[in-house]
Amino acid sequence: MAVILAVRLTPRGGRDGADGWAADAEGRPYLKVRVTSAPVEGEANAALTAFIAKSLKVPRSAVRLAAGATARLKRLEIDGVDEADLERVFGAKP
């Protein structure tokens, strides 16, 4: 079973890292992530999946971009983790 993670990605963010949780207008939580890569030819998306995989200690192949390839708000499917793992690594959701 895969966990769905909503992410708001900031490319060319100066560093690779997570900036905590936020909620959209409807109250749905998403993780704010920045990467140093530019949003060119999928580089920022690749950096995002690599960062999430490394943070959660899962293989890169366990993290898939399910939606939002060209949008700032993305949806990732992650195999091998659960909600408790997300909160342990990135903190509690709002």
PDB file of N, CA and C in Angstrom:
ATOM      1  N   MET A   1       0.836  -1.191   0.000  1.00  0.00           N
ATOM      2  CA  MET A   1       0.000   0.000   0.000  1.00  0.00           C
ATOM      3  C   MET A   1       0.875   1.246   0.000  1.00  0.00           C
ATOM      4  N   ALA A   2       0.497   2.217  -0.781  1.00  0.00           N
ATOM      5  CA  ALA A   2       1.279   3.446  -0.913  1.00  0.00           C
ATOM      6  C   ALA A   2       0.638   4.575  -0.111  1.00  0.00           C
ATOM      7  N   VAL A   3       1.487   5.418   0.430  1.00  0.00           N
ATOM      8  CA  VAL A   3       1.038   6.632   1.116  1.00  0.00           C
ATOM      9  C   VAL A   3       1.064   7.762   0.097  1.00  0.00           C
ATOM     10  N   ILE A   4       0.062   8.615   0.119  1.00  0.00           N
ATOM     11  CA  ILE A   4       0.006   9.774  -0.763  1.00  0.00           C
ATOM     12  C   ILE A   4       0.523  10.985   0.018  1.00  0.00           C
ATOM     13  N   LEU A   5       1.471  11.710  -0.568  1.00  0.00           N
ATOM     14  CA  LEU A   5       2.043  12.897   0.059  1.00  0.00           C
ATOM     15  C   LEU A   5       1.875  14.078  -0.881  1.00  0.00           C
ATOM     16  N   ALA A   6       1.192  15.115  -0.418  1.00  0.00           N
ATOM     17  CA  ALA A   6       1.064  16.347  -1.195  1.00  0.00           C
ATOM     18  C   ALA A   6       2.265  17.230  -0.868  1.00  0.00           C
ATOM     19  N   VAL A   7       2.879  17.790  -1.914  1.00  0.00           N
ATOM     20  CA  VAL A   7       4.090  18.596  -1.753  1.00  0.00           C
ATOM     21  C   VAL A   7       3.954  19.873  -2.562  1.00  0.00           C
ATOM     22  N   ARG A   8       4.368  20.986  -1.963  1.00  0.00           N
ATOM     23  CA  ARG A   8       4.503  22.243  -2.712  1.00  0.00           C
ATOM     24  C   ARG A   8       5.981  22.448  -2.929  1.00  0.00           C
ATOM     25  N   LEU A   9       6.423  22.357  -4.178  1.00  0.00           N
ATOM     26  CA  LEU A   9       7.840  22.387  -4.513  1.00  0.00           C
ATOM     27  C   LEU A   9       8.298  23.781  -4.917  1.00  0.00           C
ATOM     28  N   THR A  10       9.438  24.184  -4.362  1.00  0.00           N
ATOM     29  CA  THR A  10      10.083  25.436  -4.751  1.00  0.00           C
ATOM     30  C   THR A  10      11.414  25.096  -5.411  1.00  0.00           C
ATOM     31  N   PRO A  11      11.490  25.152  -6.742  1.00  0.00           N
ATOM     32  CA  PRO A  11      12.762  24.897  -7.413  1.00  0.00           C
ATOM     33  C   PRO A  11      13.701  26.088  -7.225  1.00  0.00           C
ATOM     34  N   ARG A  12      14.987  25.869  -7.424  1.00  0.00           N
ATOM     35  CA  ARG A  12      16.010  26.902  -7.222  1.00  0.00           C
ATOM     36  C   ARG A  12      15.865  27.536  -5.840  1.00  0.00           C
ATOM     37  N   GLY A  13      15.622  26.687  -4.839  1.00  0.00           N
ATOM     38  CA  GLY A  13      15.372  27.172  -3.482  1.00  0.00           C
ATOM     39  C   GLY A  13      16.621  27.437  -2.659  1.00  0.00           C
ATOM     40  N   GLY A  14      17.806  27.263  -3.232  1.00  0.00           N
ATOM     41  CA  GLY A  14      19.033  27.546  -2.514  1.00  0.00           C
ATOM     42  C   GLY A  14      19.592  26.355  -1.749  1.00  0.00           C
ATOM     43  N   ARG A  15      18.750  25.412  -1.423  1.00  0.00           N
ATOM     44  CA  ARG A  15      19.184  24.197  -0.721  1.00  0.00           C
ATOM     45  C   ARG A  15      18.106  23.143  -0.910  1.00  0.00           C
ATOM     46  N   ASP A  16      18.463  21.897  -0.641  1.00  0.00           N
ATOM     47  CA  ASP A  16      17.476  20.826  -0.649  1.00  0.00           C
ATOM     48  C   ASP A  16      17.005  20.643   0.789  1.00  0.00           C
ATOM     49  N   GLY A  17      15.711  20.801   1.027  1.00  0.00           N
ATOM     50  CA  GLY A  17      15.205  20.633   2.378  1.00  0.00           C
ATOM     51  C   GLY A  17      13.709  20.809   2.472  1.00  0.00           C
ATOM     52  N   ALA A  18      13.171  20.356   3.590  1.00  0.00           N
ATOM     53  CA  ALA A  18      11.747  20.509   3.867  1.00  0.00           C
ATOM     54  C   ALA A  18      11.569  21.702   4.803  1.00  0.00           C
ATOM     55  N   ASP A  19      10.560  22.504   4.526  1.00  0.00           N
ATOM     56  CA  ASP A  19      10.276  23.707   5.316  1.00  0.00           C
ATOM     57  C   ASP A  19       9.026  23.557   6.167  1.00  0.00           C
ATOM     58  N   GLY A  20       8.623  22.326   6.443  1.00  0.00           N
ATOM     59  CA  GLY A  20       7.467  22.099   7.298  1.00  0.00           C
ATOM     60  C   GLY A  20       6.173  21.966   6.531  1.00  0.00           C
ATOM     61  N   TRP A  21       5.106  21.857   7.301  1.00  0.00           N
ATOM     62  CA  TRP A  21       3.771  21.639   6.745  1.00  0.00           C
ATOM     63  C   TRP A  21       2.999  22.940   6.643  1.00  0.00           C
ATOM     64  N   ALA A  22       2.069  22.984   5.714  1.00  0.00           N
ATOM     65  CA  ALA A  22       1.107  24.078   5.579  1.00  0.00           C
ATOM     66  C   ALA A  22      -0.204  23.437   5.122  1.00  0.00           C
ATOM     67  N   ALA A  23      -1.252  24.248   5.066  1.00  0.00           N
ATOM     68  CA  ALA A  23      -2.551  23.744   4.609  1.00  0.00           C
ATOM     69  C   ALA A  23      -3.074  24.648   3.504  1.00  0.00           C
ATOM     70  N   ASP A  24      -3.762  24.038   2.540  1.00  0.00           N
ATOM     71  CA  ASP A  24      -4.347  24.830   1.464  1.00  0.00           C
ATOM     72  C   ASP A  24      -5.639  25.486   1.947  1.00  0.00           C
ATOM     73  N   ALA A  25      -6.325  26.167   1.053  1.00  0.00           N
ATOM     74  CA  ALA A  25      -7.539  26.899   1.420  1.00  0.00           C
ATOM     75  C   ALA A  25      -8.629  25.991   1.971  1.00  0.00           C
ATOM     76  N   GLU A  26      -8.608  24.721   1.589  1.00  0.00           N
ATOM     77  CA  GLU A  26      -9.623  23.778   2.066  1.00  0.00           C
ATOM     78  C   GLU A  26      -9.147  22.971   3.270  1.00  0.00           C
ATOM     79  N   GLY A  27      -7.979  23.331   3.807  1.00  0.00           N
ATOM     80  CA  GLY A  27      -7.488  22.675   5.007  1.00  0.00           C
ATOM     81  C   GLY A  27      -6.707  21.390   4.787  1.00  0.00           C
ATOM     82  N   ARG A  28      -6.418  21.056   3.533  1.00  0.00           N
ATOM     83  CA  ARG A  28      -5.636  19.843   3.244  1.00  0.00           C
ATOM     84  C   ARG A  28      -4.157  20.128   3.455  1.00  0.00           C
ATOM     85  N   PRO A  29      -3.474  19.280   4.223  1.00  0.00           N
ATOM     86  CA  PRO A  29      -2.054  19.537   4.491  1.00  0.00           C
ATOM     87  C   PRO A  29      -1.159  19.191   3.304  1.00  0.00           C
ATOM     88  N   TYR A  30      -0.075  19.963   3.161  1.00  0.00           N
ATOM     89  CA  TYR A  30       0.961  19.649   2.183  1.00  0.00           C
ATOM     90  C   TYR A  30       2.310  20.008   2.789  1.00  0.00           C
ATOM     91  N   LEU A  31       3.340  19.332   2.312  1.00  0.00           N
ATOM     92  CA  LEU A  31       4.692  19.548   2.790  1.00  0.00           C
ATOM     93  C   LEU A  31       5.380  20.550   1.872  1.00  0.00           C
ATOM     94  N   LYS A  32       6.011  21.560   2.452  1.00  0.00           N
ATOM     95  CA  LYS A  32       6.755  22.547   1.667  1.00  0.00           C
ATOM     96  C   LYS A  32       8.197  22.046   1.526  1.00  0.00           C
ATOM     97  N   VAL A  33       8.634  21.886   0.273  1.00  0.00           N
ATOM     98  CA  VAL A  33       9.979  21.381  -0.014  1.00  0.00           C
ATOM     99  C   VAL A  33      10.648  22.316  -1.007  1.00  0.00           C
ATOM    100  N   ARG A  34      11.953  22.565  -0.786  1.00  0.00           N
ATOM    101  CA  ARG A  34      12.731  23.334  -1.751  1.00  0.00           C
ATOM    102  C   ARG A  34      13.897  22.487  -2.230  1.00  0.00           C
ATOM    103  N   VAL A  35      14.259  22.666  -3.490  1.00  0.00           N
ATOM    104  CA  VAL A  35      15.406  21.967  -4.072  1.00  0.00           C
ATOM    105  C   VAL A  35      16.260  22.984  -4.825  1.00  0.00           C
ATOM    106  N   THR A  36      17.537  22.661  -5.003  1.00  0.00           N
ATOM    107  CA  THR A  36      18.431  23.579  -5.711  1.00  0.00           C
ATOM    108  C   THR A  36      18.269  23.492  -7.225  1.00  0.00           C
ATOM    109  N   SER A  37      17.732  22.392  -7.718  1.00  0.00           N
ATOM    110  CA  SER A  37      17.600  22.174  -9.163  1.00  0.00           C
ATOM    111  C   SER A  37      16.595  23.130  -9.791  1.00  0.00           C
ATOM    112  N   ALA A  38      16.819  23.403 -11.067  1.00  0.00           N
ATOM    113  CA  ALA A  38      15.905  24.252 -11.835  1.00  0.00           C
ATOM    114  C   ALA A  38      14.744  23.407 -12.368  1.00  0.00           C
ATOM    115  N   PRO A  39      13.603  24.064 -12.629  1.00  0.00           N
ATOM    116  CA  PRO A  39      12.446  23.330 -13.163  1.00  0.00           C
ATOM    117  C   PRO A  39      12.555  23.121 -14.675  1.00  0.00           C
ATOM    118  N   VAL A  40      13.636  22.477 -15.106  1.00  0.00           N
ATOM    119  CA  VAL A  40      13.900  22.263 -16.522  1.00  0.00           C
ATOM    120  C   VAL A  40      14.041  20.769 -16.778  1.00  0.00           C
ATOM    121  N   GLU A  41      13.290  20.261 -17.754  1.00  0.00           N
ATOM    122  CA  GLU A  41      13.372  18.863 -18.168  1.00  0.00           C
ATOM    123  C   GLU A  41      13.262  17.885 -17.003  1.00  0.00           C
ATOM    124  N   GLY A  42      12.420  18.206 -16.029  1.00  0.00           N
ATOM    125  CA  GLY A  42      12.165  17.293 -14.930  1.00  0.00           C
ATOM    126  C   GLY A  42      13.234  17.240 -13.850  1.00  0.00           C
ATOM    127  N   GLU A  43      14.228  18.134 -13.907  1.00  0.00           N
ATOM    128  CA  GLU A  43      15.316  18.111 -12.917  1.00  0.00           C
ATOM    129  C   GLU A  43      14.810  18.354 -11.501  1.00  0.00           C
ATOM    130  N   ALA A  44      13.911  19.316 -11.323  1.00  0.00           N
ATOM    131  CA  ALA A  44      13.394  19.611  -9.982  1.00  0.00           C
ATOM    132  C   ALA A  44      12.560  18.444  -9.460  1.00  0.00           C
ATOM    133  N   ASN A  45      11.775  17.812 -10.327  1.00  0.00           N
ATOM    134  CA  ASN A  45      10.983  16.647  -9.907  1.00  0.00           C
ATOM    135  C   ASN A  45      11.894  15.496  -9.496  1.00  0.00           C
ATOM    136  N   ALA A  46      12.973  15.275 -10.246  1.00  0.00           N
ATOM    137  CA  ALA A  46      13.923  14.216  -9.910  1.00  0.00           C
ATOM    138  C   ALA A  46      14.597  14.515  -8.574  1.00  0.00           C
ATOM    139  N   ALA A  47      14.948  15.771  -8.353  1.00  0.00           N
ATOM    140  CA  ALA A  47      15.573  16.160  -7.082  1.00  0.00           C
ATOM    141  C   ALA A  47      14.591  15.978  -5.929  1.00  0.00           C
ATOM    142  N   LEU A  48      13.314  16.282  -6.175  1.00  0.00           N
ATOM    143  CA  LEU A  48      12.287  16.107  -5.147  1.00  0.00           C
ATOM    144  C   LEU A  48      12.152  14.633  -4.764  1.00  0.00           C
ATOM    145  N   THR A  49      12.014  13.753  -5.746  1.00  0.00           N
ATOM    146  CA  THR A  49      11.849  12.333  -5.430  1.00  0.00           C
ATOM    147  C   THR A  49      13.094  11.785  -4.736  1.00  0.00           C
ATOM    148  N   ALA A  50      14.279  12.236  -5.140  1.00  0.00           N
ATOM    149  CA  ALA A  50      15.517  11.792  -4.484  1.00  0.00           C
ATOM    150  C   ALA A  50      15.564  12.278  -3.039  1.00  0.00           C
ATOM    151  N   PHE A  51      15.168  13.530  -2.800  1.00  0.00           N
ATOM    152  CA  PHE A  51      15.172  14.077  -1.445  1.00  0.00           C
ATOM    153  C   PHE A  51      14.196  13.333  -0.536  1.00  0.00           C
ATOM    154  N   ILE A  52      12.981  13.084  -1.034  1.00  0.00           N
ATOM    155  CA  ILE A  52      11.971  12.384  -0.233  1.00  0.00           C
ATOM    156  C   ILE A  52      12.436  10.959   0.061  1.00  0.00           C
ATOM    157  N   ALA A  53      12.975  10.276  -0.932  1.00  0.00           N
ATOM    158  CA  ALA A  53      13.457   8.900  -0.738  1.00  0.00           C
ATOM    159  C   ALA A  53      14.575   8.861   0.304  1.00  0.00           C
ATOM    160  N   LYS A  54      15.517   9.783   0.198  1.00  0.00           N
ATOM    161  CA  LYS A  54      16.639   9.820   1.150  1.00  0.00           C
ATOM    162  C   LYS A  54      16.133  10.135   2.554  1.00  0.00           C
ATOM    163  N   SER A  55      15.221  11.083   2.672  1.00  0.00           N
ATOM    164  CA  SER A  55      14.693  11.477   3.983  1.00  0.00           C
ATOM    165  C   SER A  55      13.961  10.336   4.662  1.00  0.00           C
ATOM    166  N   LEU A  56      13.182   9.572   3.873  1.00  0.00           N
ATOM    167  CA  LEU A  56      12.386   8.476   4.429  1.00  0.00           C
ATOM    168  C   LEU A  56      13.140   7.144   4.436  1.00  0.00           C
ATOM    169  N   LYS A  57      14.374   7.156   3.911  1.00  0.00           N
ATOM    170  CA  LYS A  57      15.210   5.944   3.867  1.00  0.00           C
ATOM    171  C   LYS A  57      14.530   4.801   3.104  1.00  0.00           C
ATOM    172  N   VAL A  58      14.002   5.154   1.940  1.00  0.00           N
ATOM    173  CA  VAL A  58      13.429   4.155   1.039  1.00  0.00           C
ATOM    174  C   VAL A  58      14.146   4.282  -0.309  1.00  0.00           C
ATOM    175  N   PRO A  59      14.104   3.243  -1.150  1.00  0.00           N
ATOM    176  CA  PRO A  59      14.728   3.362  -2.471  1.00  0.00           C
ATOM    177  C   PRO A  59      14.037   4.440  -3.307  1.00  0.00           C
ATOM    178  N   ARG A  60      14.783   5.053  -4.174  1.00  0.00           N
ATOM    179  CA  ARG A  60      14.224   6.099  -5.037  1.00  0.00           C
ATOM    180  C   ARG A  60      13.058   5.563  -5.863  1.00  0.00           C
ATOM    181  N   SER A  61      13.106   4.275  -6.216  1.00  0.00           N
ATOM    182  CA  SER A  61      12.036   3.662  -7.003  1.00  0.00           C
ATOM    183  C   SER A  61      10.726   3.547  -6.220  1.00  0.00           C
ATOM    184  N   ALA A  62      10.779   3.727  -4.891  1.00  0.00           N
ATOM    185  CA  ALA A  62       9.568   3.650  -4.066  1.00  0.00           C
ATOM    186  C   ALA A  62       8.788   4.963  -4.076  1.00  0.00           C
ATOM    187  N   VAL A  63       9.374   6.020  -4.636  1.00  0.00           N
ATOM    188  CA  VAL A  63       8.726   7.338  -4.668  1.00  0.00           C
ATOM    189  C   VAL A  63       8.351   7.646  -6.122  1.00  0.00           C
ATOM    190  N   ARG A  64       7.043   7.845  -6.365  1.00  0.00           N
ATOM    191  CA  ARG A  64       6.555   8.128  -7.711  1.00  0.00           C
ATOM    192  C   ARG A  64       5.772   9.436  -7.728  1.00  0.00           C
ATOM    193  N   LEU A  65       5.956  10.193  -8.786  1.00  0.00           N
ATOM    194  CA  LEU A  65       5.185  11.418  -8.988  1.00  0.00           C
ATOM    195  C   LEU A  65       3.847  11.015  -9.588  1.00  0.00           C
ATOM    196  N   ALA A  66       2.764  11.133  -8.795  1.00  0.00           N
ATOM    197  CA  ALA A  66       1.446  10.692  -9.242  1.00  0.00           C
ATOM    198  C   ALA A  66       0.696  11.792  -9.982  1.00  0.00           C
ATOM    199  N   ALA A  67       0.955  13.052  -9.612  1.00  0.00           N
ATOM    200  CA  ALA A  67       0.246  14.168 -10.256  1.00  0.00           C
ATOM    201  C   ALA A  67       1.042  15.445 -10.059  1.00  0.00           C
ATOM    202  N   GLY A  68       0.897  16.369 -11.006  1.00  0.00           N
ATOM    203  CA  GLY A  68       1.500  17.684 -10.856  1.00  0.00           C
ATOM    204  C   GLY A  68       2.891  17.813 -11.434  1.00  0.00           C
ATOM    205  N   ALA A  69       3.207  17.089 -12.494  1.00  0.00           N
ATOM    206  CA  ALA A  69       4.554  17.114 -13.066  1.00  0.00           C
ATOM    207  C   ALA A  69       5.014  18.525 -13.418  1.00  0.00           C
ATOM    208  N   THR A  70       4.099  19.379 -13.893  1.00  0.00           N
ATOM    209  CA  THR A  70       4.494  20.737 -14.264  1.00  0.00           C
ATOM    210  C   THR A  70       3.923  21.793 -13.326  1.00  0.00           C
ATOM    211  N   ALA A  71       3.264  21.367 -12.269  1.00  0.00           N
ATOM    212  CA  ALA A  71       2.663  22.314 -11.314  1.00  0.00           C
ATOM    213  C   ALA A  71       3.524  22.421 -10.060  1.00  0.00           C
ATOM    214  N   ARG A  72       3.318  23.468  -9.299  1.00  0.00           N
ATOM    215  CA  ARG A  72       4.026  23.626  -8.025  1.00  0.00           C
ATOM    216  C   ARG A  72       3.548  22.616  -6.992  1.00  0.00           C
ATOM    217  N   LEU A  73       2.233  22.377  -6.975  1.00  0.00           N
ATOM    218  CA  LEU A  73       1.656  21.417  -6.032  1.00  0.00           C
ATOM    219  C   LEU A  73       1.662  20.035  -6.685  1.00  0.00           C
ATOM    220  N   LYS A  74       2.326  19.101  -6.034  1.00  0.00           N
ATOM    221  CA  LYS A  74       2.500  17.761  -6.586  1.00  0.00           C
ATOM    222  C   LYS A  74       1.947  16.728  -5.630  1.00  0.00           C
ATOM    223  N   ARG A  75       1.630  15.559  -6.171  1.00  0.00           N
ATOM    224  CA  ARG A  75       1.192  14.445  -5.346  1.00  0.00           C
ATOM    225  C   ARG A  75       2.142  13.282  -5.590  1.00  0.00           C
ATOM    226  N   LEU A  76       2.745  12.789  -4.506  1.00  0.00           N
ATOM    227  CA  LEU A  76       3.675  11.676  -4.590  1.00  0.00           C
ATOM    228  C   LEU A  76       3.042  10.430  -3.994  1.00  0.00           C
ATOM    229  N   GLU A  77       3.330   9.282  -4.572  1.00  0.00           N
ATOM    230  CA  GLU A  77       2.963   7.986  -3.994  1.00  0.00           C
ATOM    231  C   GLU A  77       4.256   7.375  -3.484  1.00  0.00           C
ATOM    232  N   ILE A  78       4.242   6.957  -2.223  1.00  0.00           N
ATOM    233  CA  ILE A  78       5.453   6.418  -1.608  1.00  0.00           C
ATOM    234  C   ILE A  78       5.148   5.030  -1.049  1.00  0.00           C
ATOM    235  N   ASP A  79       5.897   4.042  -1.503  1.00  0.00           N
ATOM    236  CA  ASP A  79       5.758   2.665  -1.020  1.00  0.00           C
ATOM    237  C   ASP A  79       6.676   2.442   0.172  1.00  0.00           C
ATOM    238  N   GLY A  80       6.247   1.581   1.089  1.00  0.00           N
ATOM    239  CA  GLY A  80       7.107   1.166   2.184  1.00  0.00           C
ATOM    240  C   GLY A  80       7.114   2.064   3.400  1.00  0.00           C
ATOM    241  N   VAL A  81       6.226   3.055   3.432  1.00  0.00           N
ATOM    242  CA  VAL A  81       6.124   3.933   4.600  1.00  0.00           C
ATOM    243  C   VAL A  81       4.657   4.106   4.966  1.00  0.00           C
ATOM    244  N   ASP A  82       4.412   4.654   6.156  1.00  0.00           N
ATOM    245  CA  ASP A  82       3.044   4.973   6.552  1.00  0.00           C
ATOM    246  C   ASP A  82       3.010   6.401   7.091  1.00  0.00           C
ATOM    247  N   GLU A  83       1.837   6.835   7.508  1.00  0.00           N
ATOM    248  CA  GLU A  83       1.668   8.212   8.002  1.00  0.00           C
ATOM    249  C   GLU A  83       2.583   8.498   9.190  1.00  0.00           C
ATOM    250  N   ALA A  84       2.794   7.503  10.058  1.00  0.00           N
ATOM    251  CA  ALA A  84       3.664   7.697  11.227  1.00  0.00           C
ATOM    252  C   ALA A  84       5.101   7.993  10.790  1.00  0.00           C
ATOM    253  N   ASP A  85       5.556   7.353   9.719  1.00  0.00           N
ATOM    254  CA  ASP A  85       6.900   7.626   9.199  1.00  0.00           C
ATOM    255  C   ASP A  85       7.000   9.066   8.691  1.00  0.00           C
ATOM    256  N   LEU A  86       5.967   9.527   7.996  1.00  0.00           N
ATOM    257  CA  LEU A  86       5.968  10.903   7.500  1.00  0.00           C
ATOM    258  C   LEU A  86       6.063  11.899   8.657  1.00  0.00           C
ATOM    259  N   GLU A  87       5.279  11.654   9.713  1.00  0.00           N
ATOM    260  CA  GLU A  87       5.297  12.571  10.854  1.00  0.00           C
ATOM    261  C   GLU A  87       6.617  12.492  11.618  1.00  0.00           C
ATOM    262  N   ARG A  88       7.213  11.308  11.678  1.00  0.00           N
ATOM    263  CA  ARG A  88       8.488  11.157  12.378  1.00  0.00           C
ATOM    264  C   ARG A  88       9.591  11.945  11.665  1.00  0.00           C
ATOM    265  N   VAL A  89       9.587  11.922  10.338  1.00  0.00           N
ATOM    266  CA  VAL A  89      10.644  12.564   9.565  1.00  0.00           C
ATOM    267  C   VAL A  89      10.371  14.063   9.354  1.00  0.00           C
ATOM    268  N   PHE A  90       9.127  14.430   9.048  1.00  0.00           N
ATOM    269  CA  PHE A  90       8.818  15.803   8.668  1.00  0.00           C
ATOM    270  C   PHE A  90       8.026  16.574   9.715  1.00  0.00           C
ATOM    271  N   GLY A  91       7.684  15.953  10.831  1.00  0.00           N
ATOM    272  CA  GLY A  91       6.904  16.617  11.875  1.00  0.00           C
ATOM    273  C   GLY A  91       5.425  16.376  11.710  1.00  0.00           C
ATOM    274  N   ALA A  92       4.672  16.824  12.714  1.00  0.00           N
ATOM    275  CA  ALA A  92       3.226  16.605  12.720  1.00  0.00           C
ATOM    276  C   ALA A  92       2.541  17.504  11.696  1.00  0.00           C
ATOM    277  N   LYS A  93       1.513  16.959  11.059  1.00  0.00           N
ATOM    278  CA  LYS A  93       0.724  17.743  10.107  1.00  0.00           C
ATOM    279  C   LYS A  93      -0.135  18.758  10.862  1.00  0.00           C
ATOM    280  N   PRO A  94      -0.475  19.866  10.192  1.00  0.00           N
ATOM    281  CA  PRO A  94      -1.313  20.893  10.864  1.00  0.00           C
ATOM    282  C   PRO A  94      -2.726  20.405  11.085  1.00  0.00           C
TER     283      PRO A  94
END
